[in-house]
Amino acid sequence: MVGLPSWRAVVALAVVFYLCAAGWFFILAPWSRFWGMVVVPKVPLLLIPWVDSPAFRGALSGFGALHFLVAFSWLAGEARRA
């Protein structure tokens, strides 16, 4: 059928959407009020100083940036195949 995207393209876009959404979450969530009000109180007491530290939050933000790099790489790979 002409004009309909292939399943491969649909899956690729879904993966890229997920990676970008997860990237934004990991970049923004550690620095928001959500982190201090929801995440930190639910970790064991011994881990609170570690989870609440700027170094850990920065590492999570770096993990989020890595999600964007993987999404870009995935899109570039799909563009080469098309």
Protein backbone atom coordinates (compact mmCIF):
# COMPACT_ATOMS: atom_id res chain seq x y z
CA MET A 1 0.00 0.00 0.00
CA VAL A 2 1.35 3.35 -1.00
CA GLY A 3 1.64 6.08 1.62
CA LEU A 4 1.39 3.89 4.72
CA PRO A 5 4.47 3.77 6.91
CA SER A 6 6.11 0.40 7.36
CA TRP A 7 6.04 -1.29 10.75
CA ARG A 8 9.78 -0.75 10.97
CA ALA A 9 9.30 3.02 10.72
CA VAL A 10 6.49 2.96 13.29
CA VAL A 11 8.62 0.97 15.74
CA ALA A 12 11.60 3.28 15.14
CA LEU A 13 9.49 6.35 15.88
CA ALA A 14 8.07 4.71 19.01
CA VAL A 15 11.57 3.89 20.26
CA VAL A 16 12.79 7.42 19.53
CA PHE A 17 9.75 8.88 21.30
CA TYR A 18 10.43 6.69 24.35
CA LEU A 19 14.12 7.59 24.42
CA CYS A 20 13.36 11.32 24.21
CA ALA A 21 10.67 11.12 26.90
CA ALA A 22 12.96 9.15 29.21
CA GLY A 23 15.79 11.58 28.45
CA TRP A 24 13.68 14.56 29.47
CA PHE A 25 12.57 12.75 32.62
CA PHE A 26 16.13 11.89 33.69
CA ILE A 27 17.35 15.41 32.93
CA LEU A 28 14.54 17.32 34.66
CA ALA A 29 13.20 15.10 37.45
CA PRO A 30 16.29 15.03 39.71
CA TRP A 31 16.25 18.83 39.90
CA SER A 32 12.51 19.28 40.46
CA ARG A 33 10.35 19.39 43.59
CA PHE A 34 9.06 15.95 42.55
CA TRP A 35 12.45 14.48 43.41
CA GLY A 36 12.51 15.89 46.93
CA MET A 37 8.87 15.21 47.70
CA VAL A 38 8.31 11.79 46.10
CA VAL A 39 11.57 10.00 45.35
CA VAL A 40 13.87 10.89 48.23
CA PRO A 41 11.42 10.04 51.05
CA LYS A 42 10.85 6.55 49.59
CA VAL A 43 14.49 5.40 49.58
CA PRO A 44 16.04 3.66 52.61
CA LEU A 45 17.40 6.06 55.23
CA LEU A 46 21.01 5.08 54.58
CA LEU A 47 20.71 6.05 50.91
CA ILE A 48 19.00 9.44 51.34
CA PRO A 49 22.23 11.49 51.46
CA TRP A 50 23.48 9.72 48.34
CA VAL A 51 20.23 10.01 46.35
CA ASP A 52 19.82 13.66 47.36
CA SER A 53 23.39 14.63 46.43
CA PRO A 54 24.06 16.92 43.46
CA ALA A 55 26.60 14.41 42.09
CA PHE A 56 23.97 11.67 41.84
CA ARG A 57 21.45 14.08 40.35
CA GLY A 58 24.02 15.18 37.79
CA ALA A 59 24.78 11.56 36.92
CA LEU A 60 21.07 10.96 36.27
CA SER A 61 20.97 14.06 34.08
CA GLY A 62 23.95 12.72 32.14
CA PHE A 63 22.08 9.43 31.73
CA GLY A 64 19.18 11.46 30.29
CA ALA A 65 21.51 13.19 27.84
CA LEU A 66 22.77 9.76 26.81
CA HIS A 67 19.17 8.84 25.96
CA PHE A 68 19.08 11.73 23.48
CA LEU A 69 22.32 10.58 21.87
CA VAL A 70 20.94 7.06 21.46
CA ALA A 71 17.69 8.46 20.00
CA PHE A 72 19.66 10.51 17.48
CA SER A 73 21.78 7.51 16.59
CA TRP A 74 18.66 5.37 16.15
CA LEU A 75 17.09 7.97 13.86
CA ALA A 76 20.27 8.30 11.82
CA GLY A 77 20.47 4.54 11.40
CA GLU A 78 16.86 4.32 10.27
CA ALA A 79 17.39 7.19 7.83
CA ARG A 80 20.33 5.33 6.27
CA ARG A 81 18.19 2.19 5.85
CA ALA A 82 15.32 4.09 4.20
